Amino acid sequence: AAGEPYGTARELLTSIK
């Protein structure tokens, strides 16, 4: 998500996982 375009929600999902 640091340099990802759509890694915003991705971080939240990975956090749950």
N, C-alpha and C. Protein backbone atom coordinates (compact mmCIF):
# COMPACT_ATOMS: atom_id res chain seq x y z
N ALA A 1 0.84 -1.21 0.00
CA ALA A 1 0.00 0.00 0.00
C ALA A 1 0.87 1.24 0.00
N ALA A 2 2.13 1.07 0.35
CA ALA A 2 3.05 2.21 0.39
C ALA A 2 3.17 2.82 -1.00
N GLY A 3 3.41 1.98 -2.00
CA GLY A 3 3.54 2.50 -3.36
C GLY A 3 2.53 1.83 -4.27
N GLU A 4 1.50 1.23 -3.64
CA GLU A 4 0.47 0.56 -4.45
C GLU A 4 -0.68 1.53 -4.73
N PRO A 5 -1.25 1.45 -5.92
CA PRO A 5 -2.35 2.33 -6.32
C PRO A 5 -3.65 2.00 -5.58
N TYR A 6 -3.95 0.71 -5.48
CA TYR A 6 -5.20 0.31 -4.84
C TYR A 6 -4.90 -0.63 -3.67
N GLY A 7 -3.84 -0.30 -2.93
CA GLY A 7 -3.46 -1.16 -1.81
C GLY A 7 -4.04 -0.64 -0.50
N THR A 8 -5.07 0.18 -0.61
CA THR A 8 -5.68 0.75 0.60
C THR A 8 -6.53 -0.31 1.31
N ALA A 9 -7.57 -0.76 0.62
CA ALA A 9 -8.45 -1.80 1.20
C ALA A 9 -7.67 -3.10 1.31
N ARG A 10 -6.66 -3.28 0.43
CA ARG A 10 -5.85 -4.50 0.43
C ARG A 10 -5.18 -4.66 1.79
N GLU A 11 -4.70 -3.59 2.35
CA GLU A 11 -4.01 -3.66 3.65
C GLU A 11 -4.98 -4.10 4.74
N LEU A 12 -6.19 -3.60 4.68
CA LEU A 12 -7.19 -3.97 5.69
C LEU A 12 -7.50 -5.45 5.60
N LEU A 13 -7.64 -5.93 4.39
CA LEU A 13 -7.95 -7.35 4.19
C LEU A 13 -6.80 -8.21 4.67
N THR A 14 -5.60 -7.82 4.38
CA THR A 14 -4.43 -8.60 4.79
C THR A 14 -4.26 -8.55 6.30
N SER A 15 -4.71 -7.46 6.90
CA SER A 15 -4.60 -7.32 8.36
C SER A 15 -5.49 -8.34 9.04
N ILE A 16 -6.67 -8.56 8.46
CA ILE A 16 -7.62 -9.51 9.04
C ILE A 16 -7.08 -10.93 8.85
N LYS A 17 -6.45 -11.14 7.71
CA LYS A 17 -5.90 -12.46 7.42
C LYS A 17 -4.65 -12.63 8.27
